């Protein structure tokens, strides 16, 4: 993995679902964008919208551990902002994720 240039981790984030930015690097703000949605603003704009976003989450203790959620980028992704949306297997929005762990990889 590169520490700078192409393929470098340019931003990372640990956040709860209310948009509280617990720890981050390269992130200027995080917001609660609604049920199962997290808005993220990068500190430094990317040169284009082709950057990669890797996301994981932890589940609410009341959720079956075999329950699978899908994170995807929803809404408009631009050079400084994106929104994560957590869906259930049938496509509905889910509030079962309690923490998000995000990496952004690109050449900014």
N, C-alpha and C. Protein backbone atom coordinates (compact mmCIF):
# COMPACT_ATOMS: atom_id res chain seq x y z
N UNK A 1 0.84 -1.17 0.00
CA UNK A 1 0.00 0.00 0.00
C UNK A 1 0.89 1.24 0.00
N UNK A 2 0.53 2.21 -0.79
CA UNK A 2 1.28 3.46 -0.86
C UNK A 2 0.88 4.39 0.27
N UNK A 3 1.82 5.19 0.74
CA UNK A 3 1.51 6.18 1.76
C UNK A 3 1.22 7.54 1.14
N UNK A 4 1.57 7.70 -0.13
CA UNK A 4 1.20 8.91 -0.86
C UNK A 4 1.13 8.56 -2.33
N UNK A 5 0.50 9.40 -3.12
CA UNK A 5 0.35 9.12 -4.54
C UNK A 5 -0.82 8.19 -4.81
N UNK A 6 -0.79 7.53 -5.97
CA UNK A 6 -1.88 6.64 -6.36
C UNK A 6 -2.03 5.49 -5.39
N UNK A 7 -3.25 5.17 -5.03
CA UNK A 7 -3.53 4.04 -4.16
C UNK A 7 -3.33 4.31 -2.69
N UNK A 8 -3.08 5.54 -2.32
CA UNK A 8 -2.88 5.87 -0.92
C UNK A 8 -4.21 6.00 -0.19
N UNK A 9 -4.21 5.71 1.11
CA UNK A 9 -5.39 5.99 1.91
C UNK A 9 -5.37 7.49 2.17
N UNK A 10 -6.34 8.18 1.62
CA UNK A 10 -6.39 9.63 1.71
C UNK A 10 -7.27 10.12 2.85
N UNK A 11 -8.18 9.26 3.30
CA UNK A 11 -9.05 9.64 4.42
C UNK A 11 -9.55 8.38 5.09
N UNK A 12 -9.80 8.48 6.39
CA UNK A 12 -10.42 7.37 7.12
C UNK A 12 -11.31 7.97 8.20
N UNK A 13 -12.25 7.15 8.65
CA UNK A 13 -13.26 7.66 9.56
C UNK A 13 -13.83 6.54 10.42
N UNK A 14 -14.04 6.84 11.69
CA UNK A 14 -14.84 6.01 12.58
C UNK A 14 -15.95 6.92 13.07
N UNK A 15 -17.19 6.55 12.82
CA UNK A 15 -18.31 7.41 13.18
C UNK A 15 -19.48 6.58 13.69
N UNK A 16 -20.28 7.17 14.56
CA UNK A 16 -21.52 6.51 14.94
C UNK A 16 -22.63 6.93 13.98
N UNK A 17 -23.79 6.36 14.12
CA UNK A 17 -24.87 6.62 13.17
C UNK A 17 -25.47 8.01 13.29
N UNK A 18 -25.22 8.69 14.40
CA UNK A 18 -25.76 10.05 14.53
C UNK A 18 -24.85 11.07 13.85
N UNK A 19 -23.81 10.59 13.18
CA UNK A 19 -22.90 11.48 12.47
C UNK A 19 -21.83 12.09 13.35
N UNK A 20 -21.69 11.55 14.56
CA UNK A 20 -20.64 12.04 15.43
C UNK A 20 -19.31 11.49 14.94
N UNK A 21 -18.42 12.37 14.55
CA UNK A 21 -17.11 12.01 14.04
C UNK A 21 -16.24 11.61 15.23
N UNK A 22 -16.09 10.31 15.46
CA UNK A 22 -15.34 9.84 16.62
C UNK A 22 -13.84 10.00 16.40
N UNK A 23 -13.34 9.52 15.29
CA UNK A 23 -11.93 9.66 14.91
C UNK A 23 -11.88 9.74 13.39
N UNK A 24 -10.95 10.54 12.86
CA UNK A 24 -10.85 10.62 11.41
C UNK A 24 -9.53 11.24 10.99
N UNK A 25 -9.27 11.11 9.70
CA UNK A 25 -8.16 11.77 9.05
C UNK A 25 -8.65 12.13 7.65
N UNK A 26 -8.45 13.36 7.22
CA UNK A 26 -8.86 13.77 5.88
C UNK A 26 -10.36 13.98 5.72
N UNK A 27 -11.09 14.04 6.83
CA UNK A 27 -12.54 14.24 6.82
C UNK A 27 -12.82 15.56 7.52
N UNK A 28 -13.58 16.45 6.88
CA UNK A 28 -13.88 17.72 7.53
C UNK A 28 -15.19 17.69 8.30
N UNK A 29 -16.16 16.86 7.85
CA UNK A 29 -17.41 16.76 8.60
C UNK A 29 -18.15 15.47 8.28
N UNK A 30 -19.00 15.08 9.23
CA UNK A 30 -19.85 13.90 9.11
C UNK A 30 -21.23 14.32 9.57
N UNK A 31 -22.27 13.82 8.90
CA UNK A 31 -23.62 14.19 9.31
C UNK A 31 -24.56 13.00 9.25
N UNK A 32 -25.58 13.06 10.09
CA UNK A 32 -26.66 12.08 10.06
C UNK A 32 -27.58 12.52 8.92
N UNK A 33 -27.61 11.74 7.86
CA UNK A 33 -28.39 12.11 6.67
C UNK A 33 -29.75 11.40 6.64
N UNK A 34 -30.16 10.82 7.77
CA UNK A 34 -31.44 10.11 7.86
C UNK A 34 -31.22 8.66 8.26
N UNK A 35 -32.29 7.91 8.38
CA UNK A 35 -32.22 6.51 8.80
C UNK A 35 -31.28 5.72 7.90
N UNK A 36 -30.25 5.12 8.50
CA UNK A 36 -29.31 4.29 7.76
C UNK A 36 -28.44 5.04 6.78
N UNK A 37 -28.33 6.36 6.92
CA UNK A 37 -27.56 7.19 5.98
C UNK A 37 -26.55 8.05 6.73
N UNK A 38 -25.35 8.15 6.17
CA UNK A 38 -24.29 8.94 6.77
C UNK A 38 -23.66 9.82 5.70
N UNK A 39 -23.67 11.13 5.89
CA UNK A 39 -23.05 12.07 4.95
C UNK A 39 -21.62 12.34 5.36
N UNK A 40 -20.71 12.35 4.40
CA UNK A 40 -19.28 12.55 4.67
C UNK A 40 -18.73 13.63 3.75
N UNK A 41 -17.95 14.56 4.32
CA UNK A 41 -17.28 15.60 3.54
C UNK A 41 -15.78 15.45 3.72
N UNK A 42 -15.05 15.36 2.61
CA UNK A 42 -13.59 15.22 2.63
C UNK A 42 -12.93 16.57 2.87
N UNK A 43 -11.79 16.58 3.55
CA UNK A 43 -11.03 17.82 3.79
C UNK A 43 -10.40 18.35 2.51
N UNK A 44 -9.92 17.43 1.67
CA UNK A 44 -9.27 17.80 0.42
C UNK A 44 -10.04 17.17 -0.73
N UNK A 45 -10.39 17.97 -1.71
CA UNK A 45 -11.15 17.45 -2.85
C UNK A 45 -10.31 16.48 -3.67
N UNK A 46 -10.97 15.46 -4.19
CA UNK A 46 -10.34 14.53 -5.13
C UNK A 46 -10.28 15.20 -6.50
N UNK A 47 -9.40 14.72 -7.35
CA UNK A 47 -9.31 15.28 -8.70
C UNK A 47 -10.50 14.87 -9.57
N UNK A 48 -11.20 13.79 -9.17
CA UNK A 48 -12.42 13.36 -9.88
C UNK A 48 -13.25 12.51 -8.93
N UNK A 49 -14.33 11.92 -9.44
CA UNK A 49 -15.24 11.15 -8.57
C UNK A 49 -14.94 9.65 -8.60
N UNK A 50 -13.79 9.26 -9.09
CA UNK A 50 -13.45 7.85 -9.23
C UNK A 50 -12.74 7.27 -8.00
N UNK A 51 -12.75 7.97 -6.87
CA UNK A 51 -12.10 7.45 -5.67
C UNK A 51 -12.88 6.27 -5.11
N UNK A 52 -12.19 5.40 -4.38
CA UNK A 52 -12.81 4.21 -3.81
C UNK A 52 -13.16 4.43 -2.35
N UNK A 53 -14.33 3.92 -1.97
CA UNK A 53 -14.79 4.01 -0.59
C UNK A 53 -14.99 2.59 -0.08
N UNK A 54 -14.31 2.26 1.01
CA UNK A 54 -14.47 0.95 1.65
C UNK A 54 -15.12 1.20 2.99
N UNK A 55 -16.18 0.45 3.29
CA UNK A 55 -16.93 0.70 4.51
C UNK A 55 -17.30 -0.60 5.20
N UNK A 56 -17.21 -0.59 6.50
CA UNK A 56 -17.67 -1.69 7.33
C UNK A 56 -18.49 -1.08 8.46
N UNK A 57 -19.16 -1.90 9.24
CA UNK A 57 -20.02 -1.39 10.30
C UNK A 57 -20.11 -2.42 11.42
N UNK A 58 -20.56 -1.98 12.57
CA UNK A 58 -20.91 -2.92 13.63
C UNK A 58 -22.42 -2.86 13.81
N UNK A 59 -22.99 -3.99 14.25
CA UNK A 59 -24.44 -4.09 14.37
C UNK A 59 -24.95 -3.73 15.75
N UNK A 60 -26.17 -3.27 15.80
CA UNK A 60 -26.90 -3.06 17.03
C UNK A 60 -26.98 -4.41 17.75
N UNK A 61 -26.81 -4.43 19.07
CA UNK A 61 -26.82 -5.68 19.84
C UNK A 61 -28.12 -6.47 19.71
N UNK A 62 -29.20 -5.82 19.33
CA UNK A 62 -30.50 -6.49 19.23
C UNK A 62 -30.73 -7.16 17.88
N UNK A 63 -29.76 -7.08 16.98
CA UNK A 63 -29.91 -7.63 15.62
C UNK A 63 -29.32 -9.03 15.56
N UNK A 64 -29.99 -9.92 14.88
CA UNK A 64 -29.50 -11.28 14.64
C UNK A 64 -28.10 -11.18 14.01
N UNK A 65 -27.08 -11.84 14.56
CA UNK A 65 -25.73 -11.72 14.00
C UNK A 65 -25.59 -12.28 12.59
N UNK A 66 -26.55 -13.06 12.13
CA UNK A 66 -26.53 -13.58 10.77
C UNK A 66 -27.20 -12.62 9.78
N UNK A 67 -27.74 -11.53 10.29
CA UNK A 67 -28.40 -10.53 9.47
C UNK A 67 -27.34 -9.79 8.65
N UNK A 68 -27.54 -9.68 7.36
CA UNK A 68 -26.55 -9.04 6.49
C UNK A 68 -27.08 -7.70 6.01
N UNK A 69 -26.26 -6.68 6.15
CA UNK A 69 -26.58 -5.36 5.62
C UNK A 69 -25.64 -5.06 4.48
N UNK A 70 -26.05 -4.17 3.60
CA UNK A 70 -25.23 -3.78 2.46
C UNK A 70 -25.01 -2.28 2.53
N UNK A 71 -23.77 -1.85 2.52
CA UNK A 71 -23.45 -0.42 2.46
C UNK A 71 -23.25 -0.04 1.01
N UNK A 72 -23.80 1.07 0.61
CA UNK A 72 -23.55 1.57 -0.74
C UNK A 72 -23.51 3.08 -0.72
N UNK A 73 -22.96 3.65 -1.76
CA UNK A 73 -22.93 5.09 -1.91
C UNK A 73 -24.23 5.50 -2.57
N UNK A 74 -24.97 6.37 -1.94
CA UNK A 74 -26.25 6.80 -2.49
C UNK A 74 -26.22 8.30 -2.73
N UNK A 75 -27.17 8.77 -3.47
CA UNK A 75 -27.22 10.20 -3.76
C UNK A 75 -26.08 10.61 -4.67
N UNK A 76 -25.71 11.86 -4.59
CA UNK A 76 -24.66 12.39 -5.45
C UNK A 76 -23.30 12.25 -4.79
N UNK A 77 -22.39 11.59 -5.48
CA UNK A 77 -20.99 11.49 -5.03
C UNK A 77 -20.23 12.51 -5.87
N UNK A 78 -19.58 13.46 -5.21
CA UNK A 78 -18.78 14.41 -5.97
C UNK A 78 -17.34 14.41 -5.44
N UNK A 79 -16.56 15.38 -5.79
CA UNK A 79 -15.14 15.36 -5.44
C UNK A 79 -14.88 15.66 -3.96
N UNK A 80 -15.90 16.14 -3.23
CA UNK A 80 -15.69 16.44 -1.81
C UNK A 80 -16.68 15.75 -0.88
N UNK A 81 -17.80 15.26 -1.38
CA UNK A 81 -18.80 14.66 -0.49
C UNK A 81 -19.35 13.35 -1.05
N UNK A 82 -19.78 12.49 -0.14
CA UNK A 82 -20.51 11.28 -0.52
C UNK A 82 -21.41 10.89 0.64
N UNK A 83 -22.38 10.04 0.35
CA UNK A 83 -23.30 9.57 1.38
C UNK A 83 -23.32 8.05 1.36
N UNK A 84 -23.21 7.45 2.55
CA UNK A 84 -23.32 6.01 2.69
C UNK A 84 -24.74 5.67 3.10
N UNK A 85 -25.27 4.60 2.54
CA UNK A 85 -26.62 4.14 2.86
C UNK A 85 -26.53 2.67 3.22
N UNK A 86 -27.16 2.28 4.32
CA UNK A 86 -27.15 0.89 4.77
C UNK A 86 -28.49 0.26 4.43
N UNK A 87 -28.46 -0.77 3.59
CA UNK A 87 -29.68 -1.43 3.13
C UNK A 87 -29.81 -2.84 3.69
N UNK A 88 -31.05 -3.30 3.80
CA UNK A 88 -31.34 -4.69 4.14
C UNK A 88 -31.25 -5.52 2.86
N UNK A 89 -31.24 -6.85 2.96
CA UNK A 89 -31.16 -7.67 1.76
C UNK A 89 -32.30 -7.42 0.76
N UNK A 90 -33.47 -6.98 1.25
CA UNK A 90 -34.59 -6.74 0.33
C UNK A 90 -34.60 -5.32 -0.22
N UNK A 91 -33.56 -4.52 0.09
CA UNK A 91 -33.44 -3.19 -0.48
C UNK A 91 -33.93 -2.05 0.39
N UNK A 92 -34.53 -2.36 1.54
CA UNK A 92 -34.98 -1.31 2.44
C UNK A 92 -33.82 -0.69 3.20
N UNK A 93 -34.01 0.51 3.69
CA UNK A 93 -32.99 1.18 4.49
C UNK A 93 -33.04 0.64 5.91
N UNK A 94 -31.86 0.43 6.51
CA UNK A 94 -31.78 -0.16 7.84
C UNK A 94 -31.06 0.75 8.82
N UNK A 95 -31.55 0.80 10.06
CA UNK A 95 -30.86 1.54 11.11
C UNK A 95 -30.15 0.59 12.07
N UNK A 96 -29.84 -0.62 11.63
CA UNK A 96 -29.22 -1.64 12.49
C UNK A 96 -27.71 -1.46 12.66
N UNK A 97 -27.08 -0.68 11.80
CA UNK A 97 -25.65 -0.40 11.96
C UNK A 97 -25.49 0.67 13.03
N UNK A 98 -24.55 0.47 13.95
CA UNK A 98 -24.36 1.46 15.01
C UNK A 98 -23.05 2.25 14.88
N UNK A 99 -22.08 1.71 14.20
CA UNK A 99 -20.82 2.40 13.97
C UNK A 99 -20.35 2.12 12.55
N UNK A 100 -19.74 3.11 11.93
CA UNK A 100 -19.20 2.95 10.58
C UNK A 100 -17.68 3.10 10.63
N UNK A 101 -16.99 2.33 9.78
CA UNK A 101 -15.54 2.38 9.65
C UNK A 101 -15.27 2.54 8.15
N UNK A 102 -14.69 3.66 7.76
CA UNK A 102 -14.60 4.03 6.34
C UNK A 102 -13.15 4.36 5.95
N UNK A 103 -12.74 3.88 4.76
CA UNK A 103 -11.47 4.25 4.14
C UNK A 103 -11.76 4.85 2.78
N UNK A 104 -11.03 5.89 2.41
CA UNK A 104 -11.13 6.49 1.08
C UNK A 104 -9.76 6.39 0.45
N UNK A 105 -9.70 5.77 -0.73
CA UNK A 105 -8.42 5.56 -1.43
C UNK A 105 -8.47 6.26 -2.77
N UNK A 106 -7.42 7.05 -3.06
CA UNK A 106 -7.37 7.77 -4.34
C UNK A 106 -6.06 8.54 -4.42
N UNK A 107 -5.84 9.17 -5.56
CA UNK A 107 -4.76 10.13 -5.73
C UNK A 107 -5.40 11.49 -5.74
N UNK A 108 -5.32 12.22 -4.63
CA UNK A 108 -6.01 13.51 -4.51
C UNK A 108 -5.17 14.59 -5.11
